[in-house]
Amino acid sequence: GLSGAIYFREGRVIAAEFRPASGEEKADR
């Protein structure tokens, strides 16, 4: 029911996205 991704550059978290099957998508922090 969900998926997400955290993006890294030089070991630092630079962006993220989270998609639950129901509910609002979330980004970054």
All heavy atoms as atom14 arrays in JSON, in Angstrom:
{
  "sequence": "GLSGAIYFREGRVIAAEFRPASGEEKADR",
  "atom14_mask": [
    [1, 1, 1, 1, 0, 0, 0, 0, 0, 0, 0, 0, 0, 0],
    [1, 1, 1, 1, 1, 1, 1, 1, 0, 0, 0, 0, 0, 0],
    [1, 1, 1, 1, 1, 1, 0, 0, 0, 0, 0, 0, 0, 0],
    [1, 1, 1, 1, 0, 0, 0, 0, 0, 0, 0, 0, 0, 0],
    [1, 1, 1, 1, 1, 0, 0, 0, 0, 0, 0, 0, 0, 0],
    [1, 1, 1, 1, 1, 1, 1, 1, 0, 0, 0, 0, 0, 0],
    [1, 1, 1, 1, 1, 1, 1, 1, 1, 1, 1, 1, 0, 0],
    [1, 1, 1, 1, 1, 1, 1, 1, 1, 1, 1, 0, 0, 0],
    [1, 1, 1, 1, 1, 1, 1, 1, 1, 1, 1, 0, 0, 0],
    [1, 1, 1, 1, 1, 1, 1, 1, 1, 0, 0, 0, 0, 0],
    [1, 1, 1, 1, 0, 0, 0, 0, 0, 0, 0, 0, 0, 0],
    [1, 1, 1, 1, 1, 1, 1, 1, 1, 1, 1, 0, 0, 0],
    [1, 1, 1, 1, 1, 1, 1, 0, 0, 0, 0, 0, 0, 0],
    [1, 1, 1, 1, 1, 1, 1, 1, 0, 0, 0, 0, 0, 0],
    [1, 1, 1, 1, 1, 0, 0, 0, 0, 0, 0, 0, 0, 0],
    [1, 1, 1, 1, 1, 0, 0, 0, 0, 0, 0, 0, 0, 0],
    [1, 1, 1, 1, 1, 1, 1, 1, 1, 0, 0, 0, 0, 0],
    [1, 1, 1, 1, 1, 1, 1, 1, 1, 1, 1, 0, 0, 0],
    [1, 1, 1, 1, 1, 1, 1, 1, 1, 1, 1, 0, 0, 0],
    [1, 1, 1, 1, 1, 1, 1, 0, 0, 0, 0, 0, 0, 0],
    [1, 1, 1, 1, 1, 0, 0, 0, 0, 0, 0, 0, 0, 0],
    [1, 1, 1, 1, 1, 1, 0, 0, 0, 0, 0, 0, 0, 0],
    [1, 1, 1, 1, 0, 0, 0, 0, 0, 0, 0, 0, 0, 0],
    [1, 1, 1, 1, 1, 1, 1, 1, 1, 0, 0, 0, 0, 0],
    [1, 1, 1, 1, 1, 1, 1, 1, 1, 0, 0, 0, 0, 0],
    [1, 1, 1, 1, 1, 1, 1, 1, 1, 0, 0, 0, 0, 0],
    [1, 1, 1, 1, 1, 0, 0, 0, 0, 0, 0, 0, 0, 0],
    [1, 1, 1, 1, 1, 1, 1, 1, 0, 0, 0, 0, 0, 0],
    [1, 1, 1, 1, 1, 1, 1, 1, 1, 1, 1, 0, 0, 0]
  ],
  "atom14_positions": [
    [[0.77, -1.24, 0.0], [0.0, 0.0, 0.0], [0.8, 1.28, 0.0], [0.21, 2.35, 0.09], [0.0, 0.0, 0.0], [0.0, 0.0, 0.0], [0.0, 0.0, 0.0], [0.0, 0.0, 0.0], [0.0, 0.0, 0.0], [0.0, 0.0, 0.0], [0.0, 0.0, 0.0], [0.0, 0.0, 0.0], [0.0, 0.0, 0.0], [0.0, 0.0, 0.0]],
    [[2.12, 1.21, -0.12], [2.88, 2.46, -0.13], [4.22, 2.28, -0.82], [4.71, 1.17, -0.98], [3.09, 2.99, 1.28], [3.85, 2.08, 2.25], [5.33, 2.34, 2.18], [3.33, 2.33, 3.64], [0.0, 0.0, 0.0], [0.0, 0.0, 0.0], [0.0, 0.0, 0.0], [0.0, 0.0, 0.0], [0.0, 0.0, 0.0], [0.0, 0.0, 0.0]],
    [[4.78, 3.4, -1.22], [6.14, 3.4, -1.77], [6.77, 4.74, -1.48], [6.09, 5.73, -1.23], [6.12, 3.14, -3.28], [5.48, 4.2, -3.95], [0.0, 0.0, 0.0], [0.0, 0.0, 0.0], [0.0, 0.0, 0.0], [0.0, 0.0, 0.0], [0.0, 0.0, 0.0], [0.0, 0.0, 0.0], [0.0, 0.0, 0.0], [0.0, 0.0, 0.0]],
    [[8.08, 4.76, -1.5], [8.79, 6.01, -1.24], [10.2, 5.93, -1.77], [10.7, 4.86, -2.12], [0.0, 0.0, 0.0], [0.0, 0.0, 0.0], [0.0, 0.0, 0.0], [0.0, 0.0, 0.0], [0.0, 0.0, 0.0], [0.0, 0.0, 0.0], [0.0, 0.0, 0.0], [0.0, 0.0, 0.0], [0.0, 0.0, 0.0], [0.0, 0.0, 0.0]],
    [[10.84, 7.09, -1.81], [12.22, 7.18, -2.27], [12.92, 8.31, -1.53], [12.33, 9.37, -1.3], [12.29, 7.42, -3.76], [0.0, 0.0, 0.0], [0.0, 0.0, 0.0], [0.0, 0.0, 0.0], [0.0, 0.0, 0.0], [0.0, 0.0, 0.0], [0.0, 0.0, 0.0], [0.0, 0.0, 0.0], [0.0, 0.0, 0.0], [0.0, 0.0, 0.0]],
    [[14.16, 8.06, -1.15], [15.02, 9.09, -0.58], [16.21, 9.22, -1.52], [16.84, 8.22, -1.88], [15.5, 8.73, 0.84], [14.31, 8.53, 1.78], [16.43, 9.82, 1.38], [14.69, 8.05, 3.18], [0.0, 0.0, 0.0], [0.0, 0.0, 0.0], [0.0, 0.0, 0.0], [0.0, 0.0, 0.0], [0.0, 0.0, 0.0], [0.0, 0.0, 0.0]],
    [[16.53, 10.45, -1.93], [17.6, 10.7, -2.88], [18.84, 11.22, -2.15], [18.73, 12.09, -1.27], [17.15, 11.73, -3.92], [15.97, 11.25, -4.73], [14.67, 11.46, -4.29], [16.17, 10.56, -5.92], [13.57, 11.0, -5.02], [15.08, 10.11, -6.66], [13.79, 10.32, -6.2], [12.72, 9.86, -6.92], [0.0, 0.0, 0.0], [0.0, 0.0, 0.0]],
    [[20.0, 10.69, -2.54], [21.26, 11.05, -1.89], [22.23, 11.64, -2.91], [22.3, 11.19, -4.05], [21.93, 9.8, -1.3], [21.18, 9.21, -0.15], [20.12, 8.34, -0.37], [21.54, 9.51, 1.15], [19.43, 7.78, 0.7], [20.86, 8.96, 2.22], [19.79, 8.09, 1.99], [0.0, 0.0, 0.0], [0.0, 0.0, 0.0], [0.0, 0.0, 0.0]],
    [[22.98, 12.62, -2.45], [24.12, 13.14, -3.22], [25.27, 13.33, -2.24], [25.11, 14.04, -1.25], [23.78, 14.46, -3.92], [24.93, 14.94, -4.8], [24.56, 16.14, -5.66], [23.56, 15.74, -6.64], [22.59, 16.56, -7.06], [22.48, 17.77, -6.58], [21.71, 16.13, -7.95], [0.0, 0.0, 0.0], [0.0, 0.0, 0.0], [0.0, 0.0, 0.0]],
    [[26.39, 12.65, -2.5], [27.55, 12.7, -1.61], [27.17, 12.34, -0.18], [27.68, 12.92, 0.77], [28.2, 14.09, -1.65], [28.8, 14.46, -2.98], [30.03, 13.63, -3.3], [30.88, 13.46, -2.42], [30.13, 13.15, -4.44], [0.0, 0.0, 0.0], [0.0, 0.0, 0.0], [0.0, 0.0, 0.0], [0.0, 0.0, 0.0], [0.0, 0.0, 0.0]],
    [[26.22, 11.41, -0.05], [25.81, 10.94, 1.26], [24.77, 11.78, 1.97], [24.25, 11.4, 3.0], [0.0, 0.0, 0.0], [0.0, 0.0, 0.0], [0.0, 0.0, 0.0], [0.0, 0.0, 0.0], [0.0, 0.0, 0.0], [0.0, 0.0, 0.0], [0.0, 0.0, 0.0], [0.0, 0.0, 0.0], [0.0, 0.0, 0.0], [0.0, 0.0, 0.0]],
    [[24.44, 12.94, 1.41], [23.44, 13.82, 2.03], [22.08, 13.55, 1.42], [21.94, 13.35, 0.21], [23.79, 15.29, 1.82], [25.0, 15.71, 2.63], [25.18, 17.2, 2.63], [24.02, 17.91, 3.17], [23.89, 18.3, 4.43], [24.83, 18.04, 5.29], [22.82, 18.96, 4.81], [0.0, 0.0, 0.0], [0.0, 0.0, 0.0], [0.0, 0.0, 0.0]],
    [[21.05, 13.59, 2.26], [19.68, 13.48, 1.77], [19.34, 14.8, 1.12], [19.43, 15.86, 1.75], [18.71, 13.18, 2.93], [17.27, 13.21, 2.44], [19.04, 11.84, 3.58], [0.0, 0.0, 0.0], [0.0, 0.0, 0.0], [0.0, 0.0, 0.0], [0.0, 0.0, 0.0], [0.0, 0.0, 0.0], [0.0, 0.0, 0.0], [0.0, 0.0, 0.0]],
    [[18.96, 14.75, -0.17], [18.67, 16.0, -0.89], [17.19, 16.14, -1.25], [16.73, 17.24, -1.53], [19.52, 16.15, -2.16], [19.26, 15.0, -3.14], [21.0, 16.26, -1.79], [19.83, 15.24, -4.53], [0.0, 0.0, 0.0], [0.0, 0.0, 0.0], [0.0, 0.0, 0.0], [0.0, 0.0, 0.0], [0.0, 0.0, 0.0], [0.0, 0.0, 0.0]],
    [[16.45, 15.02, -1.24], [15.03, 15.07, -1.57], [14.4, 13.74, -1.2], [15.1, 12.75, -1.0], [14.82, 15.34, -3.07], [0.0, 0.0, 0.0], [0.0, 0.0, 0.0], [0.0, 0.0, 0.0], [0.0, 0.0, 0.0], [0.0, 0.0, 0.0], [0.0, 0.0, 0.0], [0.0, 0.0, 0.0], [0.0, 0.0, 0.0], [0.0, 0.0, 0.0]],
    [[13.08, 13.74, -1.1], [12.37, 12.49, -0.8], [10.92, 12.61, -1.23], [10.38, 13.73, -1.36], [12.45, 12.18, 0.7], [0.0, 0.0, 0.0], [0.0, 0.0, 0.0], [0.0, 0.0, 0.0], [0.0, 0.0, 0.0], [0.0, 0.0, 0.0], [0.0, 0.0, 0.0], [0.0, 0.0, 0.0], [0.0, 0.0, 0.0], [0.0, 0.0, 0.0]],
    [[10.3, 11.46, -1.43], [8.87, 11.42, -1.76], [8.27, 10.16, -1.16], [8.94, 9.13, -1.07], [8.65, 11.48, -3.27], [9.5, 10.53, -4.05], [9.68, 10.93, -5.5], [9.77, 12.12, -5.82], [9.73, 9.99, -6.31], [0.0, 0.0, 0.0], [0.0, 0.0, 0.0], [0.0, 0.0, 0.0], [0.0, 0.0, 0.0], [0.0, 0.0, 0.0]],
    [[7.02, 10.27, -0.73], [6.33, 9.17, -0.07], [4.91, 9.13, -0.6], [4.22, 10.15, -0.62], [6.33, 9.4, 1.44], [5.66, 8.31, 2.22], [6.27, 7.08, 2.4], [4.41, 8.51, 2.79], [5.66, 6.07, 3.14], [3.79, 7.52, 3.53], [4.42, 6.3, 3.7], [0.0, 0.0, 0.0], [0.0, 0.0, 0.0], [0.0, 0.0, 0.0]],
    [[4.49, 7.93, -1.07], [3.16, 7.77, -1.66], [2.39, 6.65, -0.97], [2.58, 5.49, -1.31], [3.29, 7.43, -3.14], [3.86, 8.52, -3.97], [3.91, 8.09, -5.44], [4.78, 8.96, -6.18], [6.07, 8.75, -6.37], [6.64, 7.67, -5.91], [6.81, 9.61, -7.04], [0.0, 0.0, 0.0], [0.0, 0.0, 0.0], [0.0, 0.0, 0.0]],
    [[1.52, 7.0, -0.02], [0.64, 5.96, 0.54], [-0.49, 5.68, -0.44], [-0.84, 6.53, -1.26], [0.12, 6.6, 1.83], [0.25, 8.07, 1.61], [1.38, 8.28, 0.63], [0.0, 0.0, 0.0], [0.0, 0.0, 0.0], [0.0, 0.0, 0.0], [0.0, 0.0, 0.0], [0.0, 0.0, 0.0], [0.0, 0.0, 0.0], [0.0, 0.0, 0.0]],
    [[-1.03, 4.47, -0.39], [-2.13, 4.11, -1.3], [-3.33, 5.01, -1.07], [-4.01, 5.4, -2.01], [-2.52, 2.65, -1.11], [0.0, 0.0, 0.0], [0.0, 0.0, 0.0], [0.0, 0.0, 0.0], [0.0, 0.0, 0.0], [0.0, 0.0, 0.0], [0.0, 0.0, 0.0], [0.0, 0.0, 0.0], [0.0, 0.0, 0.0], [0.0, 0.0, 0.0]],
    [[-3.58, 5.33, 0.18], [-4.67, 6.26, 0.48], [-4.06, 7.41, 1.27], [-3.17, 7.21, 2.09], [-5.75, 5.57, 1.31], [-5.19, 5.08, 2.51], [0.0, 0.0, 0.0], [0.0, 0.0, 0.0], [0.0, 0.0, 0.0], [0.0, 0.0, 0.0], [0.0, 0.0, 0.0], [0.0, 0.0, 0.0], [0.0, 0.0, 0.0], [0.0, 0.0, 0.0]],
    [[-4.5, 8.58, 0.98], [-3.95, 9.73, 1.69], [-3.12, 10.59, 0.78], [-2.95, 10.32, -0.41], [0.0, 0.0, 0.0], [0.0, 0.0, 0.0], [0.0, 0.0, 0.0], [0.0, 0.0, 0.0], [0.0, 0.0, 0.0], [0.0, 0.0, 0.0], [0.0, 0.0, 0.0], [0.0, 0.0, 0.0], [0.0, 0.0, 0.0], [0.0, 0.0, 0.0]],
    [[-2.58, 11.62, 1.36], [-1.86, 12.63, 0.61], [-0.39, 12.28, 0.45], [0.26, 11.82, 1.39], [-1.99, 13.95, 1.38], [-1.43, 15.14, 0.65], [-1.68, 16.43, 1.44], [-2.75, 16.55, 2.05], [-0.77, 17.27, 1.44], [0.0, 0.0, 0.0], [0.0, 0.0, 0.0], [0.0, 0.0, 0.0], [0.0, 0.0, 0.0], [0.0, 0.0, 0.0]],
    [[0.14, 12.51, -0.75], [1.57, 12.31, -0.97], [2.35, 13.3, -0.12], [1.89, 14.41, 0.14], [1.91, 12.57, -2.45], [1.51, 11.44, -3.36], [2.04, 11.65, -4.78], [3.05, 12.35, -4.96], [1.43, 11.1, -5.69], [0.0, 0.0, 0.0], [0.0, 0.0, 0.0], [0.0, 0.0, 0.0], [0.0, 0.0, 0.0], [0.0, 0.0, 0.0]],
    [[3.53, 12.88, 0.31], [4.38, 13.74, 1.11], [5.72, 13.88, 0.41], [6.13, 13.0, -0.33], [4.55, 13.17, 2.51], [3.22, 13.09, 3.23], [3.36, 12.59, 4.63], [1.96, 12.54, 5.24], [1.98, 12.17, 6.61], [0.0, 0.0, 0.0], [0.0, 0.0, 0.0], [0.0, 0.0, 0.0], [0.0, 0.0, 0.0], [0.0, 0.0, 0.0]],
    [[6.38, 15.0, 0.68], [7.68, 15.23, 0.05], [8.7, 15.69, 1.08], [8.35, 16.19, 2.15], [7.54, 16.29, -1.06], [0.0, 0.0, 0.0], [0.0, 0.0, 0.0], [0.0, 0.0, 0.0], [0.0, 0.0, 0.0], [0.0, 0.0, 0.0], [0.0, 0.0, 0.0], [0.0, 0.0, 0.0], [0.0, 0.0, 0.0], [0.0, 0.0, 0.0]],
    [[9.94, 15.47, 0.73], [11.1, 15.94, 1.45], [11.07, 15.59, 2.94], [11.01, 14.42, 3.26], [11.3, 17.43, 1.18], [11.46, 17.66, -0.34], [12.0, 16.77, -1.01], [11.02, 18.7, -0.85], [0.0, 0.0, 0.0], [0.0, 0.0, 0.0], [0.0, 0.0, 0.0], [0.0, 0.0, 0.0], [0.0, 0.0, 0.0], [0.0, 0.0, 0.0]],
    [[11.14, 16.55, 3.85], [11.28, 16.24, 5.28], [10.17, 15.32, 5.78], [10.42, 14.35, 6.48], [11.3, 17.53, 6.08], [11.59, 17.32, 7.55], [11.7, 18.67, 8.24], [12.44, 18.55, 9.47], [11.96, 18.97, 10.63], [10.76, 19.49, 10.71], [12.69, 18.85, 11.72], [0.0, 0.0, 0.0], [0.0, 0.0, 0.0], [0.0, 0.0, 0.0]]
  ]
}
